[in-house]
Every structure is written in C-alpha cells, then in structure tokens.
PDB file of N, CA and C in Angstrom:
ATOM      1  N   UNK A   1     -31.244 -12.343  -6.671  1.00  0.00           N
ATOM      2  CA  UNK A   1     -30.283 -11.527  -7.374  1.00  0.00           C
ATOM      3  C   UNK A   1     -29.664 -12.265  -8.553  1.00  0.00           C
ATOM      4  N   UNK A   2     -30.150 -13.465  -8.804  1.00  0.00           N
ATOM      5  CA  UNK A   2     -29.665 -14.218  -9.956  1.00  0.00           C
ATOM      6  C   UNK A   2     -30.554 -14.018 -11.175  1.00  0.00           C
ATOM      7  N   UNK A   3     -31.720 -13.447 -10.979  1.00  0.00           N
ATOM      8  CA  UNK A   3     -32.667 -13.212 -12.077  1.00  0.00           C
ATOM      9  C   UNK A   3     -32.285 -11.909 -12.779  1.00  0.00           C
ATOM     10  N   UNK A   4     -32.231 -11.892 -14.117  1.00  0.00           N
ATOM     11  CA  UNK A   4     -31.910 -10.644 -14.834  1.00  0.00           C
ATOM     12  C   UNK A   4     -32.916  -9.540 -14.487  1.00  0.00           C
ATOM     13  N   UNK A   5     -32.467  -8.303 -14.547  1.00  0.00           N
ATOM     14  CA  UNK A   5     -33.302  -7.159 -14.168  1.00  0.00           C
ATOM     15  C   UNK A   5     -34.614  -7.107 -14.944  1.00  0.00           C
ATOM     16  N   UNK A   6     -34.560  -7.326 -16.257  1.00  0.00           N
ATOM     17  CA  UNK A   6     -35.777  -7.248 -17.062  1.00  0.00           C
ATOM     18  C   UNK A   6     -36.798  -8.290 -16.608  1.00  0.00           C
ATOM     19  N   UNK A   7     -36.347  -9.480 -16.256  1.00  0.00           N
ATOM     20  CA  UNK A   7     -37.265 -10.533 -15.806  1.00  0.00           C
ATOM     21  C   UNK A   7     -37.815 -10.222 -14.420  1.00  0.00           C
ATOM     22  N   UNK A   8     -36.963  -9.719 -13.546  1.00  0.00           N
ATOM     23  CA  UNK A   8     -37.417  -9.390 -12.193  1.00  0.00           C
ATOM     24  C   UNK A   8     -38.510  -8.322 -12.244  1.00  0.00           C
ATOM     25  N   UNK A   9     -38.293  -7.286 -13.046  1.00  0.00           N
ATOM     26  CA  UNK A   9     -39.310  -6.228 -13.171  1.00  0.00           C
ATOM     27  C   UNK A   9     -40.647  -6.793 -13.609  1.00  0.00           C
ATOM     28  N   UNK A  10     -40.631  -7.679 -14.574  1.00  0.00           N
ATOM     29  CA  UNK A  10     -41.889  -8.279 -15.057  1.00  0.00           C
ATOM     30  C   UNK A  10     -42.528  -9.168 -13.996  1.00  0.00           C
ATOM     31  N   UNK A  11     -41.713  -9.835 -13.205  1.00  0.00           N
ATOM     32  CA  UNK A  11     -42.238 -10.739 -12.182  1.00  0.00           C
ATOM     33  C   UNK A  11     -42.934  -9.982 -11.051  1.00  0.00           C
ATOM     34  N   UNK A  12     -42.412  -8.820 -10.678  1.00  0.00           N
ATOM     35  CA  UNK A  12     -42.926  -8.135  -9.487  1.00  0.00           C
ATOM     36  C   UNK A  12     -43.742  -6.883  -9.775  1.00  0.00           C
ATOM     37  N   UNK A  13     -43.768  -6.440 -11.016  1.00  0.00           N
ATOM     38  CA  UNK A  13     -44.490  -5.219 -11.356  1.00  0.00           C
ATOM     39  C   UNK A  13     -45.946  -5.305 -10.894  1.00  0.00           C
ATOM     40  N   UNK A  14     -46.352  -4.316 -10.106  1.00  0.00           N
ATOM     41  CA  UNK A  14     -47.724  -4.248  -9.614  1.00  0.00           C
ATOM     42  C   UNK A  14     -48.056  -5.251  -8.524  1.00  0.00           C
ATOM     43  N   UNK A  15     -47.066  -5.984  -8.037  1.00  0.00           N
ATOM     44  CA  UNK A  15     -47.336  -7.024  -7.036  1.00  0.00           C
ATOM     45  C   UNK A  15     -47.154  -6.537  -5.600  1.00  0.00           C
ATOM     46  N   UNK A  16     -46.550  -5.361  -5.438  1.00  0.00           N
ATOM     47  CA  UNK A  16     -46.265  -4.880  -4.094  1.00  0.00           C
ATOM     48  C   UNK A  16     -44.976  -5.441  -3.516  1.00  0.00           C
ATOM     49  N   UNK A  17     -44.254  -6.231  -4.297  1.00  0.00           N
ATOM     50  CA  UNK A  17     -42.980  -6.772  -3.840  1.00  0.00           C
ATOM     51  C   UNK A  17     -41.943  -5.644  -3.778  1.00  0.00           C
ATOM     52  N   UNK A  18     -40.989  -5.752  -2.856  1.00  0.00           N
ATOM     53  CA  UNK A  18     -39.978  -4.695  -2.746  1.00  0.00           C
ATOM     54  C   UNK A  18     -39.016  -4.706  -3.928  1.00  0.00           C
ATOM     55  N   UNK A  19     -38.365  -3.552  -4.107  1.00  0.00           N
ATOM     56  CA  UNK A  19     -37.307  -3.525  -5.117  1.00  0.00           C
ATOM     57  C   UNK A  19     -36.145  -4.357  -4.591  1.00  0.00           C
ATOM     58  N   UNK A  20     -35.153  -4.566  -5.402  1.00  0.00           N
ATOM     59  CA  UNK A  20     -34.016  -5.359  -4.944  1.00  0.00           C
ATOM     60  C   UNK A  20     -32.729  -4.549  -4.946  1.00  0.00           C
ATOM     61  N   UNK A  21     -32.882  -3.263  -4.774  1.00  0.00           N
ATOM     62  CA  UNK A  21     -31.697  -2.411  -4.692  1.00  0.00           C
ATOM     63  C   UNK A  21     -30.974  -2.692  -3.389  1.00  0.00           C
ATOM     64  N   UNK A  22     -29.664  -2.718  -3.471  1.00  0.00           N
ATOM     65  CA  UNK A  22     -28.826  -2.998  -2.309  1.00  0.00           C
ATOM     66  C   UNK A  22     -28.444  -1.689  -1.636  1.00  0.00           C
ATOM     67  N   UNK A  23     -27.851  -1.778  -0.487  1.00  0.00           N
ATOM     68  CA  UNK A  23     -27.499  -0.611   0.320  1.00  0.00           C
ATOM     69  C   UNK A  23     -26.577   0.339  -0.435  1.00  0.00           C
ATOM     70  N   UNK A  24     -25.705  -0.181  -1.288  1.00  0.00           N
ATOM     71  CA  UNK A  24     -24.791   0.681  -2.040  1.00  0.00           C
ATOM     72  C   UNK A  24     -25.546   1.674  -2.926  1.00  0.00           C
ATOM     73  N   UNK A  25     -26.694   1.270  -3.471  1.00  0.00           N
ATOM     74  CA  UNK A  25     -27.494   2.150  -4.327  1.00  0.00           C
ATOM     75  C   UNK A  25     -27.923   3.399  -3.559  1.00  0.00           C
ATOM     76  N   UNK A  26     -28.466   3.213  -2.376  1.00  0.00           N
ATOM     77  CA  UNK A  26     -28.958   4.337  -1.580  1.00  0.00           C
ATOM     78  C   UNK A  26     -27.812   5.232  -1.113  1.00  0.00           C
ATOM     79  N   UNK A  27     -26.713   4.633  -0.731  1.00  0.00           N
ATOM     80  CA  UNK A  27     -25.523   5.391  -0.325  1.00  0.00           C
ATOM     81  C   UNK A  27     -25.009   6.224  -1.498  1.00  0.00           C
ATOM     82  N   UNK A  28     -24.917   5.619  -2.679  1.00  0.00           N
ATOM     83  CA  UNK A  28     -24.398   6.314  -3.856  1.00  0.00           C
ATOM     84  C   UNK A  28     -25.322   7.448  -4.309  1.00  0.00           C
ATOM     85  N   UNK A  29     -26.626   7.218  -4.303  1.00  0.00           N
ATOM     86  CA  UNK A  29     -27.575   8.256  -4.721  1.00  0.00           C
ATOM     87  C   UNK A  29     -27.512   9.448  -3.767  1.00  0.00           C
ATOM     88  N   UNK A  30     -27.486   9.184  -2.475  1.00  0.00           N
ATOM     89  CA  UNK A  30     -27.408  10.289  -1.504  1.00  0.00           C
ATOM     90  C   UNK A  30     -26.146  11.114  -1.740  1.00  0.00           C
ATOM     91  N   UNK A  31     -25.038  10.466  -1.917  1.00  0.00           N
ATOM     92  CA  UNK A  31     -23.778  11.188  -2.151  1.00  0.00           C
ATOM     93  C   UNK A  31     -23.791  11.938  -3.477  1.00  0.00           C
ATOM     94  N   UNK A  32     -24.320  11.309  -4.516  1.00  0.00           N
ATOM     95  CA  UNK A  32     -24.381  11.958  -5.833  1.00  0.00           C
ATOM     96  C   UNK A  32     -25.231  13.216  -5.782  1.00  0.00           C
ATOM     97  N   UNK A  33     -26.262  13.220  -4.950  1.00  0.00           N
ATOM     98  CA  UNK A  33     -27.129  14.388  -4.807  1.00  0.00           C
ATOM     99  C   UNK A  33     -26.567  15.424  -3.824  1.00  0.00           C
ATOM    100  N   UNK A  34     -25.397  15.132  -3.268  1.00  0.00           N
ATOM    101  CA  UNK A  34     -24.750  16.087  -2.385  1.00  0.00           C
ATOM    102  C   UNK A  34     -25.177  16.003  -0.935  1.00  0.00           C
ATOM    103  N   UNK A  35     -25.875  14.953  -0.561  1.00  0.00           N
ATOM    104  CA  UNK A  35     -26.304  14.773   0.823  1.00  0.00           C
ATOM    105  C   UNK A  35     -25.227  14.051   1.609  1.00  0.00           C
ATOM    106  N   UNK A  36     -25.098  14.388   2.877  1.00  0.00           N
ATOM    107  CA  UNK A  36     -24.330  13.529   3.768  1.00  0.00           C
ATOM    108  C   UNK A  36     -25.336  12.508   4.283  1.00  0.00           C
ATOM    109  N   UNK A  37     -24.896  11.292   4.492  1.00  0.00           N
ATOM    110  CA  UNK A  37     -25.871  10.294   4.915  1.00  0.00           C
ATOM    111  C   UNK A  37     -25.272   9.328   5.919  1.00  0.00           C
ATOM    112  N   UNK A  38     -26.156   8.783   6.709  1.00  0.00           N
ATOM    113  CA  UNK A  38     -25.820   7.717   7.648  1.00  0.00           C
ATOM    114  C   UNK A  38     -26.816   6.598   7.386  1.00  0.00           C
ATOM    115  N   UNK A  39     -26.323   5.401   7.206  1.00  0.00           N
ATOM    116  CA  UNK A  39     -27.184   4.255   6.948  1.00  0.00           C
ATOM    117  C   UNK A  39     -27.177   3.369   8.181  1.00  0.00           C
ATOM    118  N   UNK A  40     -28.372   3.029   8.622  1.00  0.00           N
ATOM    119  CA  UNK A  40     -28.559   2.170   9.782  1.00  0.00           C
ATOM    120  C   UNK A  40     -29.115   0.834   9.299  1.00  0.00           C
ATOM    121  N   UNK A  41     -28.416  -0.235   9.603  1.00  0.00           N
ATOM    122  CA  UNK A  41     -28.815  -1.570   9.172  1.00  0.00           C
ATOM    123  C   UNK A  41     -29.760  -2.160  10.210  1.00  0.00           C
ATOM    124  N   UNK A  42     -30.899  -2.654   9.718  1.00  0.00           N
ATOM    125  CA  UNK A  42     -31.896  -3.246  10.606  1.00  0.00           C
ATOM    126  C   UNK A  42     -31.971  -4.766  10.480  1.00  0.00           C
ATOM    127  N   UNK A  43     -31.646  -5.301   9.300  1.00  0.00           N
ATOM    128  CA  UNK A  43     -31.683  -6.745   9.070  1.00  0.00           C
ATOM    129  C   UNK A  43     -30.522  -7.153   8.174  1.00  0.00           C
ATOM    130  N   UNK A  44     -30.000  -8.360   8.424  1.00  0.00           N
ATOM    131  CA  UNK A  44     -28.986  -8.937   7.541  1.00  0.00           C
ATOM    132  C   UNK A  44     -29.363 -10.373   7.196  1.00  0.00           C
ATOM    133  N   UNK A  45     -28.833 -10.846   6.089  1.00  0.00           N
ATOM    134  CA  UNK A  45     -29.071 -12.201   5.611  1.00  0.00           C
ATOM    135  C   UNK A  45     -28.634 -13.218   6.660  1.00  0.00           C
ATOM    136  N   UNK A  46     -29.488 -14.181   6.933  1.00  0.00           N
ATOM    137  CA  UNK A  46     -29.139 -15.261   7.854  1.00  0.00           C
ATOM    138  C   UNK A  46     -29.406 -14.971   9.308  1.00  0.00           C
ATOM    139  N   UNK A  47     -29.914 -13.779   9.610  1.00  0.00           N
ATOM    140  CA  UNK A  47     -30.235 -13.410  10.993  1.00  0.00           C
ATOM    141  C   UNK A  47     -31.705 -13.016  11.012  1.00  0.00           C
ATOM    142  N   UNK A  48     -32.494 -13.723  11.793  1.00  0.00           N
ATOM    143  CA  UNK A  48     -33.943 -13.502  11.768  1.00  0.00           C
ATOM    144  C   UNK A  48     -34.411 -12.341  12.637  1.00  0.00           C
ATOM    145  N   UNK A  49     -33.546 -11.854  13.490  1.00  0.00           N
ATOM    146  CA  UNK A  49     -33.971 -10.769  14.379  1.00  0.00           C
ATOM    147  C   UNK A  49     -33.585  -9.403  13.817  1.00  0.00           C
ATOM    148  N   UNK A  50     -34.385  -8.416  14.172  1.00  0.00           N
ATOM    149  CA  UNK A  50     -34.089  -7.029  13.804  1.00  0.00           C
ATOM    150  C   UNK A  50     -33.053  -6.478  14.771  1.00  0.00           C
ATOM    151  N   UNK A  51     -32.151  -5.665  14.258  1.00  0.00           N
ATOM    152  CA  UNK A  51     -31.173  -5.006  15.120  1.00  0.00           C
ATOM    153  C   UNK A  51     -31.834  -3.806  15.787  1.00  0.00           C
ATOM    154  N   UNK A  52     -31.940  -3.869  17.093  1.00  0.00           N
ATOM    155  CA  UNK A  52     -32.460  -2.740  17.867  1.00  0.00           C
ATOM    156  C   UNK A  52     -31.453  -2.477  18.968  1.00  0.00           C
ATOM    157  N   UNK A  53     -30.771  -1.368  18.942  1.00  0.00           N
ATOM    158  CA  UNK A  53     -30.824  -0.330  17.919  1.00  0.00           C
ATOM    159  C   UNK A  53     -30.156  -0.808  16.627  1.00  0.00           C
ATOM    160  N   UNK A  54     -30.491  -0.123  15.549  1.00  0.00           N
ATOM    161  CA  UNK A  54     -29.908  -0.447  14.239  1.00  0.00           C
ATOM    162  C   UNK A  54     -28.401  -0.222  14.280  1.00  0.00           C
ATOM    163  N   UNK A  55     -27.695  -0.892  13.396  1.00  0.00           N
ATOM    164  CA  UNK A  55     -26.230  -0.852  13.366  1.00  0.00           C
ATOM    165  C   UNK A  55     -25.715   0.030  12.239  1.00  0.00           C
ATOM    166  N   UNK A  56     -24.647   0.767  12.522  1.00  0.00           N
ATOM    167  CA  UNK A  56     -23.990   1.526  11.461  1.00  0.00           C
ATOM    168  C   UNK A  56     -22.788   0.759  10.910  1.00  0.00           C
ATOM    169  N   UNK A  57     -22.305  -0.212  11.643  1.00  0.00           N
ATOM    170  CA  UNK A  57     -21.205  -1.083  11.219  1.00  0.00           C
ATOM    171  C   UNK A  57     -21.583  -2.518  11.557  1.00  0.00           C
ATOM    172  N   UNK A  58     -21.186  -3.461  10.717  1.00  0.00           N
ATOM    173  CA  UNK A  58     -21.464  -4.871  10.961  1.00  0.00           C
ATOM    174  C   UNK A  58     -20.169  -5.610  11.236  1.00  0.00           C
ATOM    175  N   UNK A  59     -20.251  -6.574  12.161  1.00  0.00           N
ATOM    176  CA  UNK A  59     -19.081  -7.368  12.506  1.00  0.00           C
ATOM    177  C   UNK A  59     -19.388  -8.849  12.344  1.00  0.00           C
ATOM    178  N   UNK A  60     -18.540  -9.527  11.581  1.00  0.00           N
ATOM    179  CA  UNK A  60     -18.652 -10.962  11.398  1.00  0.00           C
ATOM    180  C   UNK A  60     -18.560 -11.651  12.756  1.00  0.00           C
ATOM    181  N   UNK A  61     -19.434 -12.592  12.989  1.00  0.00           N
ATOM    182  CA  UNK A  61     -19.426 -13.327  14.243  1.00  0.00           C
ATOM    183  C   UNK A  61     -20.289 -12.706  15.320  1.00  0.00           C
ATOM    184  N   UNK A  62     -20.422 -11.391  15.277  1.00  0.00           N
ATOM    185  CA  UNK A  62     -21.287 -10.717  16.248  1.00  0.00           C
ATOM    186  C   UNK A  62     -22.655 -10.412  15.642  1.00  0.00           C
ATOM    187  N   UNK A  63     -22.656  -9.893  14.421  1.00  0.00           N
ATOM    188  CA  UNK A  63     -23.893  -9.447  13.789  1.00  0.00           C
ATOM    189  C   UNK A  63     -24.414 -10.425  12.735  1.00  0.00           C
ATOM    190  N   UNK A  64     -23.544 -11.253  12.209  1.00  0.00           N
ATOM    191  CA  UNK A  64     -23.942 -12.252  11.214  1.00  0.00           C
ATOM    192  C   UNK A  64     -22.952 -13.409  11.250  1.00  0.00           C
ATOM    193  N   UNK A  65     -23.432 -14.594  10.907  1.00  0.00           N
ATOM    194  CA  UNK A  65     -22.563 -15.776  10.965  1.00  0.00           C
ATOM    195  C   UNK A  65     -21.746 -15.982   9.693  1.00  0.00           C
ATOM    196  N   UNK A  66     -20.718 -16.798   9.812  1.00  0.00           N
ATOM    197  CA  UNK A  66     -19.911 -17.192   8.652  1.00  0.00           C
ATOM    198  C   UNK A  66     -20.782 -17.789   7.552  1.00  0.00           C
ATOM    199  N   UNK A  67     -21.819 -18.500   7.950  1.00  0.00           N
ATOM    200  CA  UNK A  67     -22.670 -19.170   6.959  1.00  0.00           C
ATOM    201  C   UNK A  67     -23.352 -18.182   6.020  1.00  0.00           C
ATOM    202  N   UNK A  68     -23.618 -16.964   6.486  1.00  0.00           N
ATOM    203  CA  UNK A  68     -24.218 -15.953   5.609  1.00  0.00           C
ATOM    204  C   UNK A  68     -23.241 -15.542   4.510  1.00  0.00           C
ATOM    205  N   UNK A  69     -21.995 -15.344   4.879  1.00  0.00           N
ATOM    206  CA  UNK A  69     -20.966 -14.975   3.901  1.00  0.00           C
ATOM    207  C   UNK A  69     -20.718 -16.140   2.944  1.00  0.00           C
ATOM    208  N   UNK A  70     -20.684 -17.353   3.475  1.00  0.00           N
ATOM    209  CA  UNK A  70     -20.477 -18.530   2.632  1.00  0.00           C
ATOM    210  C   UNK A  70     -21.597 -18.666   1.605  1.00  0.00           C
ATOM    211  N   UNK A  71     -22.833 -18.372   2.014  1.00  0.00           N
ATOM    212  CA  UNK A  71     -23.962 -18.450   1.093  1.00  0.00           C
ATOM    213  C   UNK A  71     -23.789 -17.456  -0.054  1.00  0.00           C
ATOM    214  N   UNK A  72     -23.414 -16.241   0.263  1.00  0.00           N
ATOM    215  CA  UNK A  72     -23.206 -15.223  -0.768  1.00  0.00           C
ATOM    216  C   UNK A  72     -22.088 -15.638  -1.717  1.00  0.00           C
ATOM    217  N   UNK A  73     -21.004 -16.116  -1.164  1.00  0.00           N
ATOM    218  CA  UNK A  73     -19.868 -16.504  -2.009  1.00  0.00           C
ATOM    219  C   UNK A  73     -20.194 -17.696  -2.903  1.00  0.00           C
ATOM    220  N   UNK A  74     -21.039 -18.593  -2.428  1.00  0.00           N
ATOM    221  CA  UNK A  74     -21.430 -19.747  -3.235  1.00  0.00           C
ATOM    222  C   UNK A  74     -22.336 -19.338  -4.395  1.00  0.00           C
ATOM    223  N   UNK A  75     -23.175 -18.341  -4.177  1.00  0.00           N
ATOM    224  CA  UNK A  75     -24.136 -17.917  -5.193  1.00  0.00           C
ATOM    225  C   UNK A  75     -23.564 -16.834  -6.112  1.00  0.00           C
ATOM    226  N   UNK A  76     -22.577 -16.096  -5.652  1.00  0.00           N
ATOM    227  CA  UNK A  76     -22.042 -14.938  -6.383  1.00  0.00           C
ATOM    228  C   UNK A  76     -21.807 -15.188  -7.879  1.00  0.00           C
ATOM    229  N   UNK A  77     -21.252 -16.320  -8.292  1.00  0.00           N
ATOM    230  CA  UNK A  77     -21.028 -16.513  -9.733  1.00  0.00           C
ATOM    231  C   UNK A  77     -22.315 -16.486 -10.566  1.00  0.00           C
ATOM    232  N   UNK A  78     -23.448 -16.730  -9.946  1.00  0.00           N
ATOM    233  CA  UNK A  78     -24.716 -16.728 -10.672  1.00  0.00           C
ATOM    234  C   UNK A  78     -25.456 -15.397 -10.571  1.00  0.00           C
ATOM    235  N   UNK A  79     -24.929 -14.447  -9.800  1.00  0.00           N
ATOM    236  CA  UNK A  79     -25.580 -13.142  -9.651  1.00  0.00           C
ATOM    237  C   UNK A  79     -25.660 -12.423 -10.984  1.00  0.00           C
ATOM    238  N   UNK A  80     -26.703 -11.624 -11.133  1.00  0.00           N
ATOM    239  CA  UNK A  80     -26.796 -10.717 -12.278  1.00  0.00           C
ATOM    240  C   UNK A  80     -25.635  -9.735 -12.206  1.00  0.00           C
ATOM    241  N   UNK A  81     -25.280  -9.191 -13.336  1.00  0.00           N
ATOM    242  CA  UNK A  81     -24.106  -8.322 -13.459  1.00  0.00           C
ATOM    243  C   UNK A  81     -24.077  -7.209 -12.413  1.00  0.00           C
ATOM    244  N   UNK A  82     -25.209  -6.541 -12.154  1.00  0.00           N
ATOM    245  CA  UNK A  82     -25.199  -5.391 -11.245  1.00  0.00           C
ATOM    246  C   UNK A  82     -24.902  -5.763  -9.796  1.00  0.00           C
ATOM    247  N   UNK A  83     -24.937  -7.053  -9.460  1.00  0.00           N
ATOM    248  CA  UNK A  83     -24.683  -7.475  -8.082  1.00  0.00           C
ATOM    249  C   UNK A  83     -23.338  -8.168  -7.894  1.00  0.00           C
ATOM    250  N   UNK A  84     -22.736  -8.636  -8.963  1.00  0.00           N
ATOM    251  CA  UNK A  84     -21.531  -9.462  -8.861  1.00  0.00           C
ATOM    252  C   UNK A  84     -20.354  -8.803  -8.162  1.00  0.00           C
ATOM    253  N   UNK A  85     -20.163  -7.515  -8.363  1.00  0.00           N
ATOM    254  CA  UNK A  85     -18.978  -6.841  -7.829  1.00  0.00           C
ATOM    255  C   UNK A  85     -19.211  -6.175  -6.474  1.00  0.00           C
ATOM    256  N   UNK A  86     -20.405  -6.281  -5.921  1.00  0.00           N
ATOM    257  CA  UNK A  86     -20.670  -5.656  -4.626  1.00  0.00           C
ATOM    258  C   UNK A  86     -19.934  -6.392  -3.518  1.00  0.00           C
ATOM    259  N   UNK A  87     -19.619  -5.682  -2.453  1.00  0.00           N
ATOM    260  CA  UNK A  87     -18.941  -6.301  -1.318  1.00  0.00           C
ATOM    261  C   UNK A  87     -19.871  -7.296  -0.637  1.00  0.00           C
ATOM    262  N   UNK A  88     -19.280  -8.252   0.058  1.00  0.00           N
ATOM    263  CA  UNK A  88     -20.082  -9.212   0.817  1.00  0.00           C
ATOM    264  C   UNK A  88     -20.987  -8.481   1.803  1.00  0.00           C
ATOM    265  N   UNK A  89     -20.456  -7.468   2.453  1.00  0.00           N
ATOM    266  CA  UNK A  89     -21.235  -6.733   3.447  1.00  0.00           C
ATOM    267  C   UNK A  89     -22.435  -6.048   2.813  1.00  0.00           C
ATOM    268  N   UNK A  90     -22.252  -5.404   1.670  1.00  0.00           N
ATOM    269  CA  UNK A  90     -23.382  -4.757   1.005  1.00  0.00           C
ATOM    270  C   UNK A  90     -24.438  -5.783   0.593  1.00  0.00           C
ATOM    271  N   UNK A  91     -24.010  -6.970   0.225  1.00  0.00           N
ATOM    272  CA  UNK A  91     -24.952  -8.009  -0.165  1.00  0.00           C
ATOM    273  C   UNK A  91     -25.660  -8.634   1.035  1.00  0.00           C
ATOM    274  N   UNK A  92     -25.038  -8.605   2.195  1.00  0.00           N
ATOM    275  CA  UNK A  92     -25.649  -9.151   3.406  1.00  0.00           C
ATOM    276  C   UNK A  92     -26.810  -8.302   3.914  1.00  0.00           C
ATOM    277  N   UNK A  93     -26.743  -7.012   3.684  1.00  0.00           N
ATOM    278  CA  UNK A  93     -27.732  -6.091   4.240  1.00  0.00           C
ATOM    279  C   UNK A  93     -29.091  -6.324   3.593  1.00  0.00           C
ATOM    280  N   UNK A  94     -30.099  -6.547   4.434  1.00  0.00           N
ATOM    281  CA  UNK A  94     -31.447  -6.836   3.960  1.00  0.00           C
ATOM    282  C   UNK A  94     -32.458  -5.745   4.328  1.00  0.00           C
ATOM    283  N   UNK A  95     -32.132  -4.923   5.309  1.00  0.00           N
ATOM    284  CA  UNK A  95     -33.040  -3.854   5.712  1.00  0.00           C
ATOM    285  C   UNK A  95     -32.254  -2.679   6.255  1.00  0.00           C
ATOM    286  N   UNK A  96     -32.685  -1.473   5.873  1.00  0.00           N
ATOM    287  CA  UNK A  96     -31.983  -0.259   6.322  1.00  0.00           C
ATOM    288  C   UNK A  96     -32.989   0.844   6.601  1.00  0.00           C
ATOM    289  N   UNK A  97     -32.515   1.847   7.329  1.00  0.00           N
ATOM    290  CA  UNK A  97     -33.117   3.169   7.213  1.00  0.00           C
ATOM    291  C   UNK A  97     -31.974   4.136   7.041  1.00  0.00           C
ATOM    292  N   UNK A  98     -32.257   5.176   6.291  1.00  0.00           N
ATOM    293  CA  UNK A  98     -31.227   6.119   5.872  1.00  0.00           C
ATOM    294  C   UNK A  98     -31.570   7.506   6.399  1.00  0.00           C
ATOM    295  N   UNK A  99     -30.578   8.167   6.958  1.00  0.00           N
ATOM    296  CA  UNK A  99     -30.731   9.556   7.383  1.00  0.00           C
ATOM    297  C   UNK A  99     -29.829  10.380   6.481  1.00  0.00           C
ATOM    298  N   UNK A 100     -30.452  11.281   5.716  1.00  0.00           N
ATOM    299  CA  UNK A 100     -29.696  12.111   4.781  1.00  0.00           C
ATOM    300  C   UNK A 100     -29.877  13.575   5.162  1.00  0.00           C
ATOM    301  N   UNK A 101     -28.809  14.334   5.053  1.00  0.00           N
ATOM    302  CA  UNK A 101     -28.839  15.754   5.385  1.00  0.00           C
ATOM    303  C   UNK A 101     -28.428  16.573   4.174  1.00  0.00           C
ATOM    304  N   UNK A 102     -29.233  17.614   3.916  1.00  0.00           N
ATOM    305  CA  UNK A 102     -28.888  18.523   2.850  1.00  0.00           C
ATOM    306  C   UNK A 102     -27.673  19.337   3.260  1.00  0.00           C
ATOM    307  N   UNK A 103     -26.848  19.704   2.296  1.00  0.00           N
ATOM    308  CA  UNK A 103     -25.700  20.536   2.629  1.00  0.00           C
ATOM    309  C   UNK A 103     -26.178  21.929   3.078  1.00  0.00           C
ATOM    310  N   UNK A 104     -25.434  22.511   3.990  1.00  0.00           N
ATOM    311  CA  UNK A 104     -25.766  23.848   4.487  1.00  0.00           C
ATOM    312  C   UNK A 104     -25.489  24.913   3.442  1.00  0.00           C
ATOM    313  N   UNK A 105     -25.934  26.130   3.726  1.00  0.00           N
ATOM    314  CA  UNK A 105     -25.715  27.247   2.778  1.00  0.00           C
ATOM    315  C   UNK A 105     -24.249  27.585   2.628  1.00  0.00           C
TER     316      UNK A 105
END
C-alpha cells in the first residue's frame, strides 16, 4: 500500500495478482448502489489462520494481535494517499466475503 496506484497497476496488470482494494471500498460501493450489506472477515494481517466461521466484528487480542496494529501504524506515514486515512481495522482486513441485498419494492 506504499506503492502509488499508477505503479501498482503496471506491476500487476495481467499477472493474476489481486487488486488492493480495502474492505471500505466494497462497503461503500454496496451502500452507494443502495444495497444493504454484511461483510464477513475471513483473514486479517498477522494471523495465518482463516476465521471459520467468518467474523462480522473484530476484537483486538482475540482476533488479531497488538503487533498487527503496530505494524500498520509504523508504515502508515508511507502509505499512498488513498490508504492513509483508513481505520486500522479496515487496513487489517485481508480477506472478506460480502453479502449484499437489493432493496425491496
């Protein structure tokens, strides 16, 4: 997240590498489109195991260690602009699945 967007796109284009959008992007797009959504976290930074069942809320000390937050805070000043203002929790999330519902009639 320290590499500028234009450079990242060139580095991964056509490589099959994942995008680097954070959980806030998916939450915001679903809401902007009028969907209600629930986001389930499957992986977080610094934890090698998948959450089964996935989590809808994360708790420091239970779901991720202090060292994960410390890592983010140490690197944050070097983050590209689009990542600098995100919450620590949004930056910790590494894997999700999203359930979105269309609004009723």
